[in-house]
């Protein structure tokens, strides 16, 4: 926590009655699961198209995803649209267009990612502890359909729907973090004032900046070693925790 914010936080936290949390890399270890899914998809791709150079394919894959993320963050496409286009665009760039293969690769990535998705060890006990005092919700960027590579599938797979009171997914709301309108819609439905809500997430760019813009108490979950790194005052969290297990105590200042 930043010492200069302590008097303000004392006032905010006394009124706190809602805690929102991010999903990927906050409650669940999403990065290794994504890596496993991509590796499985590329193994299939190269078994079907052995003439393709793996490194070239990986380089093109990175560029495809970067371009899709630009369109996604500018709200020109949804996450589900980006997901469904990524392998079609990749195969086109590799001069190997095949929509059926692209869809198969997408299914493999989604399935392997989902089966490799695991909760962090501190997630369940902390969610249970928070629910005794707060409305607990998940506010996450991602797809809101029934594909394996969607947030609803992850929530069901991890058993999180029984551990939270509400779920807000960017594709369904129409705005992505850090856009404060994603939080504003959740606040309206929950019936809470921003001063009554904290949001916890691992991303200074998406979670902290979004929560700050919406007037929420921003909590940065920094599992990495070393000092917290942020870019600009909009990414400055009100509270920093190094594990979810520190969260209940941090909110009871």
Protein backbone atom coordinates (compact mmCIF):
# COMPACT_ATOMS: atom_id res chain seq x y z
CA UNK A 1 0.00 0.00 0.00
CA UNK A 2 1.18 3.53 -0.67
CA UNK A 3 1.46 5.34 2.72
CA UNK A 4 0.15 8.64 1.38
CA UNK A 5 -3.18 7.00 0.59
CA UNK A 6 -3.77 5.57 4.08
CA UNK A 7 -6.21 8.23 5.38
CA UNK A 8 -8.30 8.01 2.21
CA UNK A 9 -8.30 4.22 2.33
CA UNK A 10 -9.48 4.15 5.93
CA UNK A 11 -12.59 6.05 4.84
CA UNK A 12 -13.15 3.95 1.69
CA UNK A 13 -12.64 0.59 3.33
CA UNK A 14 -15.01 1.36 6.19
CA UNK A 15 -17.78 1.56 3.56
CA UNK A 16 -16.66 -1.43 1.52
CA UNK A 17 -19.35 -3.99 0.77
CA UNK A 18 -18.49 -5.35 -2.70
CA UNK A 19 -15.28 -7.00 -3.93
CA UNK A 20 -14.76 -7.68 -7.63
CA UNK A 21 -11.91 -9.88 -8.83
CA UNK A 22 -10.28 -10.51 -12.17
CA UNK A 23 -10.18 -14.12 -13.42
CA UNK A 24 -7.12 -14.95 -15.57
CA UNK A 25 -3.82 -14.88 -13.66
CA UNK A 26 -5.65 -13.59 -10.57
CA UNK A 27 -7.82 -16.53 -9.52
CA UNK A 28 -6.45 -19.06 -12.01
CA UNK A 29 -3.03 -19.70 -13.51
CA UNK A 30 -3.95 -18.86 -17.09
CA UNK A 31 -0.58 -18.23 -18.73
CA UNK A 32 0.77 -21.84 -18.55
CA UNK A 33 -2.61 -23.13 -19.73
CA UNK A 34 -2.50 -20.82 -22.78
CA UNK A 35 1.06 -21.93 -23.54
CA UNK A 36 0.02 -25.59 -23.41
CA UNK A 37 -2.95 -24.92 -25.69
CA UNK A 38 -0.86 -23.10 -28.28
CA UNK A 39 1.77 -25.86 -28.26
CA UNK A 40 -0.87 -28.54 -28.84
CA UNK A 41 -2.43 -26.58 -31.69
CA UNK A 42 0.92 -26.05 -33.37
CA UNK A 43 1.79 -29.75 -33.02
CA UNK A 44 -1.41 -30.54 -34.88
CA UNK A 45 -0.77 -27.85 -37.50
CA UNK A 46 2.69 -29.17 -38.31
CA UNK A 47 1.49 -32.75 -38.41
CA UNK A 48 -1.10 -31.71 -41.01
CA UNK A 49 1.15 -29.26 -42.89
CA UNK A 50 4.75 -30.50 -42.40
CA UNK A 51 6.05 -28.12 -45.06
CA UNK A 52 5.40 -25.15 -42.76
CA UNK A 53 8.39 -23.87 -40.79
CA UNK A 54 7.49 -23.83 -37.09
CA UNK A 55 9.40 -20.67 -36.24
CA UNK A 56 7.87 -18.79 -39.14
CA UNK A 57 4.42 -19.98 -38.05
CA UNK A 58 5.07 -18.81 -34.47
CA UNK A 59 6.27 -15.41 -35.67
CA UNK A 60 3.17 -15.00 -37.83
CA UNK A 61 1.00 -16.17 -34.94
CA UNK A 62 2.38 -13.44 -32.71
CA UNK A 63 1.68 -10.79 -35.34
CA UNK A 64 -1.84 -12.08 -35.93
CA UNK A 65 -2.66 -11.95 -32.24
CA UNK A 66 -1.14 -8.49 -31.82
CA UNK A 67 -3.28 -7.12 -34.66
CA UNK A 68 -6.39 -8.80 -33.32
CA UNK A 69 -5.74 -7.34 -29.87
CA UNK A 70 -5.56 -3.84 -31.35
CA UNK A 71 -8.98 -4.33 -32.92
CA UNK A 72 -10.27 -5.95 -29.75
CA UNK A 73 -9.14 -3.13 -27.50
CA UNK A 74 -10.66 -0.56 -29.84
CA UNK A 75 -13.97 -2.49 -29.57
CA UNK A 76 -14.06 -3.22 -33.31
CA UNK A 77 -14.40 -6.95 -32.63
CA UNK A 78 -15.32 -9.13 -29.65
CA UNK A 79 -13.07 -11.69 -27.99
CA UNK A 80 -15.06 -14.53 -29.51
CA UNK A 81 -14.60 -13.01 -32.97
CA UNK A 82 -10.87 -12.59 -32.39
CA UNK A 83 -10.66 -16.21 -31.22
CA UNK A 84 -12.53 -17.55 -34.23
CA UNK A 85 -10.42 -15.55 -36.70
CA UNK A 86 -6.93 -16.17 -35.37
CA UNK A 87 -6.12 -19.49 -37.04
CA UNK A 88 -7.88 -18.55 -40.28
CA UNK A 89 -5.72 -15.46 -40.50
CA UNK A 90 -2.62 -17.45 -39.58
CA UNK A 91 -3.17 -20.05 -42.29
CA UNK A 92 -3.80 -17.32 -44.82
CA UNK A 93 -0.49 -15.67 -43.94
CA UNK A 94 1.21 -19.05 -44.29
CA UNK A 95 -0.35 -19.60 -47.75
CA UNK A 96 -2.19 -22.62 -46.37
CA UNK A 97 -5.82 -21.47 -46.18
CA UNK A 98 -8.12 -24.17 -44.82
CA UNK A 99 -11.12 -23.12 -42.76
CA UNK A 100 -11.83 -26.66 -41.54
CA UNK A 101 -8.27 -27.02 -40.26
CA UNK A 102 -8.40 -23.55 -38.71
CA UNK A 103 -11.52 -24.50 -36.76
CA UNK A 104 -9.93 -27.78 -35.65
CA UNK A 105 -6.84 -25.94 -34.42
CA UNK A 106 -9.05 -23.54 -32.52
CA UNK A 107 -10.88 -26.41 -30.84
CA UNK A 108 -7.62 -28.09 -29.83
CA UNK A 109 -6.19 -24.88 -28.37
CA UNK A 110 -9.37 -24.20 -26.41
CA UNK A 111 -9.71 -27.73 -25.08
CA UNK A 112 -6.08 -28.13 -24.02
CA UNK A 113 -6.03 -24.66 -22.46
CA UNK A 114 -9.18 -25.43 -20.49
CA UNK A 115 -7.98 -28.79 -19.20
CA UNK A 116 -4.70 -27.22 -18.08
CA UNK A 117 -6.40 -24.36 -16.23
CA UNK A 118 -6.00 -24.54 -12.45
CA UNK A 119 -6.94 -22.29 -9.56
CA UNK A 120 -4.19 -20.76 -7.50
CA UNK A 121 -3.98 -22.46 -4.11
CA UNK A 122 -5.12 -19.31 -2.30
CA UNK A 123 -8.22 -18.71 -4.45
CA UNK A 124 -10.90 -20.89 -2.83
CA UNK A 125 -10.22 -20.09 0.86
CA UNK A 126 -10.03 -16.38 0.11
CA UNK A 127 -13.28 -16.36 -1.88
CA UNK A 128 -15.00 -18.22 0.93
CA UNK A 129 -13.66 -15.76 3.51
CA UNK A 130 -14.67 -12.72 1.47
CA UNK A 131 -18.24 -13.93 0.93
CA UNK A 132 -18.86 -13.89 4.66
CA UNK A 133 -18.58 -10.09 4.57
CA UNK A 134 -18.91 -8.90 0.97
CA UNK A 135 -20.76 -9.38 -2.27
CA UNK A 136 -18.09 -11.12 -4.36
CA UNK A 137 -18.08 -10.82 -8.14
CA UNK A 138 -15.80 -11.59 -11.07
CA UNK A 139 -15.14 -8.87 -13.64
CA UNK A 140 -13.14 -10.25 -16.55
CA UNK A 141 -12.23 -9.59 -20.14
CA UNK A 142 -12.97 -12.47 -22.48
CA UNK A 143 -15.50 -14.38 -24.53
CA UNK A 144 -18.93 -15.03 -23.08
CA UNK A 145 -20.10 -17.97 -25.21
CA UNK A 146 -19.91 -21.73 -24.66
CA UNK A 147 -16.67 -22.41 -26.55
CA UNK A 148 -13.97 -24.18 -24.51
CA UNK A 149 -11.90 -21.01 -24.86
CA UNK A 150 -14.40 -18.76 -23.10
CA UNK A 151 -14.74 -17.40 -19.60
CA UNK A 152 -17.96 -19.29 -18.83
CA UNK A 153 -16.20 -22.56 -19.66
CA UNK A 154 -13.30 -21.66 -17.38
CA UNK A 155 -15.64 -20.67 -14.56
CA UNK A 156 -17.54 -23.95 -14.81
CA UNK A 157 -14.36 -26.03 -15.13
CA UNK A 158 -12.88 -24.45 -12.01
CA UNK A 159 -16.08 -24.61 -9.95
CA UNK A 160 -16.08 -20.86 -9.41
CA UNK A 161 -19.78 -20.29 -10.07
CA UNK A 162 -20.56 -21.70 -6.63
CA UNK A 163 -18.04 -19.38 -4.97
CA UNK A 164 -19.12 -15.96 -6.27
CA UNK A 165 -22.29 -13.89 -6.36
CA UNK A 166 -22.00 -12.32 -9.82
CA UNK A 167 -20.03 -12.54 -13.06
CA UNK A 168 -19.33 -9.79 -15.60
CA UNK A 169 -17.67 -10.71 -18.91
CA UNK A 170 -16.54 -8.04 -21.38
CA UNK A 171 -18.03 -9.67 -24.49
CA UNK A 172 -21.46 -9.71 -22.84
CA UNK A 173 -21.26 -6.19 -21.45
CA UNK A 174 -19.75 -4.64 -24.58
CA UNK A 175 -16.76 -2.96 -22.91
CA UNK A 176 -13.31 -4.23 -21.93
CA UNK A 177 -11.11 -3.29 -19.02
CA UNK A 178 -9.70 -0.69 -18.58
CA UNK A 179 -12.89 0.93 -19.91
CA UNK A 180 -14.70 2.04 -16.73
CA UNK A 181 -18.06 1.31 -18.33
CA UNK A 182 -17.53 -2.40 -17.70
CA UNK A 183 -17.40 -1.64 -13.98
CA UNK A 184 -20.17 0.95 -14.13
CA UNK A 185 -22.60 -1.61 -15.53
CA UNK A 186 -21.70 -4.04 -12.76
CA UNK A 187 -22.13 -1.33 -10.11
CA UNK A 188 -25.58 -0.48 -11.39
CA UNK A 189 -26.73 -4.09 -11.31
CA UNK A 190 -25.29 -4.71 -7.85
CA UNK A 191 -26.70 -1.41 -6.59
CA UNK A 192 -23.43 -0.14 -5.18
CA UNK A 193 -21.65 3.19 -5.18
CA UNK A 194 -18.01 3.17 -6.43
CA UNK A 195 -16.87 4.10 -2.91
CA UNK A 196 -18.30 0.79 -1.68
CA UNK A 197 -16.38 -1.40 -4.14
CA UNK A 198 -12.84 -2.74 -4.49
CA UNK A 199 -11.48 -4.48 -7.58
CA UNK A 200 -8.60 -6.97 -7.41
CA UNK A 201 -6.50 -7.93 -10.41
CA UNK A 202 -3.00 -8.70 -11.65
CA UNK A 203 -2.81 -6.13 -14.47
CA UNK A 204 -1.90 -2.48 -13.77
CA UNK A 205 -2.97 -1.61 -17.31
CA UNK A 206 -6.37 -3.29 -17.29
CA UNK A 207 -7.43 -3.90 -13.68
CA UNK A 208 -5.89 -1.01 -11.78
CA UNK A 209 -6.40 1.64 -14.46
CA UNK A 210 -9.98 0.48 -15.04
CA UNK A 211 -10.85 0.43 -11.35
CA UNK A 212 -9.28 3.84 -10.80
CA UNK A 213 -11.18 5.32 -13.74
CA UNK A 214 -14.45 3.98 -12.33
CA UNK A 215 -13.75 5.35 -8.84
CA UNK A 216 -13.24 1.96 -7.20
CA UNK A 217 -10.57 1.02 -4.68
CA UNK A 218 -7.92 -0.61 -6.86
CA UNK A 219 -6.04 -3.62 -5.50
CA UNK A 220 -3.07 -4.92 -7.46
CA UNK A 221 -2.21 -8.59 -7.02
CA UNK A 222 1.54 -8.67 -7.68
CA UNK A 223 2.69 -12.28 -7.54
CA UNK A 224 5.97 -11.44 -9.27
CA UNK A 225 9.23 -10.95 -7.45
CA UNK A 226 10.68 -7.49 -7.15
CA UNK A 227 9.16 -4.05 -7.07
CA UNK A 228 5.77 -3.19 -8.54
CA UNK A 229 6.10 -1.65 -11.98
CA UNK A 230 3.41 0.66 -13.36
CA UNK A 231 3.30 3.21 -16.16
CA UNK A 232 1.68 6.48 -15.17
CA UNK A 233 -0.52 7.60 -12.27
CA UNK A 234 -3.63 5.97 -13.73
CA UNK A 235 -2.03 2.57 -13.05
CA UNK A 236 -1.14 3.36 -9.45
CA UNK A 237 -3.00 0.96 -7.13
CA UNK A 238 -4.48 1.97 -3.82
CA UNK A 239 -3.42 -1.36 -2.32
CA UNK A 240 -0.82 -3.97 -3.33
CA UNK A 241 -0.95 -7.59 -2.18
CA UNK A 242 1.54 -10.32 -3.01
CA UNK A 243 -0.96 -13.15 -2.70
CA UNK A 244 -4.71 -13.48 -2.44
CA UNK A 245 -4.27 -14.71 1.12
CA UNK A 246 -3.23 -11.16 2.06
CA UNK A 247 -6.44 -9.69 0.66
CA UNK A 248 -8.92 -10.10 3.55
CA UNK A 249 -6.50 -8.45 5.95
CA UNK A 250 -5.71 -5.66 3.49
CA UNK A 251 -9.40 -4.85 3.08
CA UNK A 252 -9.95 -4.79 6.86
CA UNK A 253 -7.44 -1.97 7.46
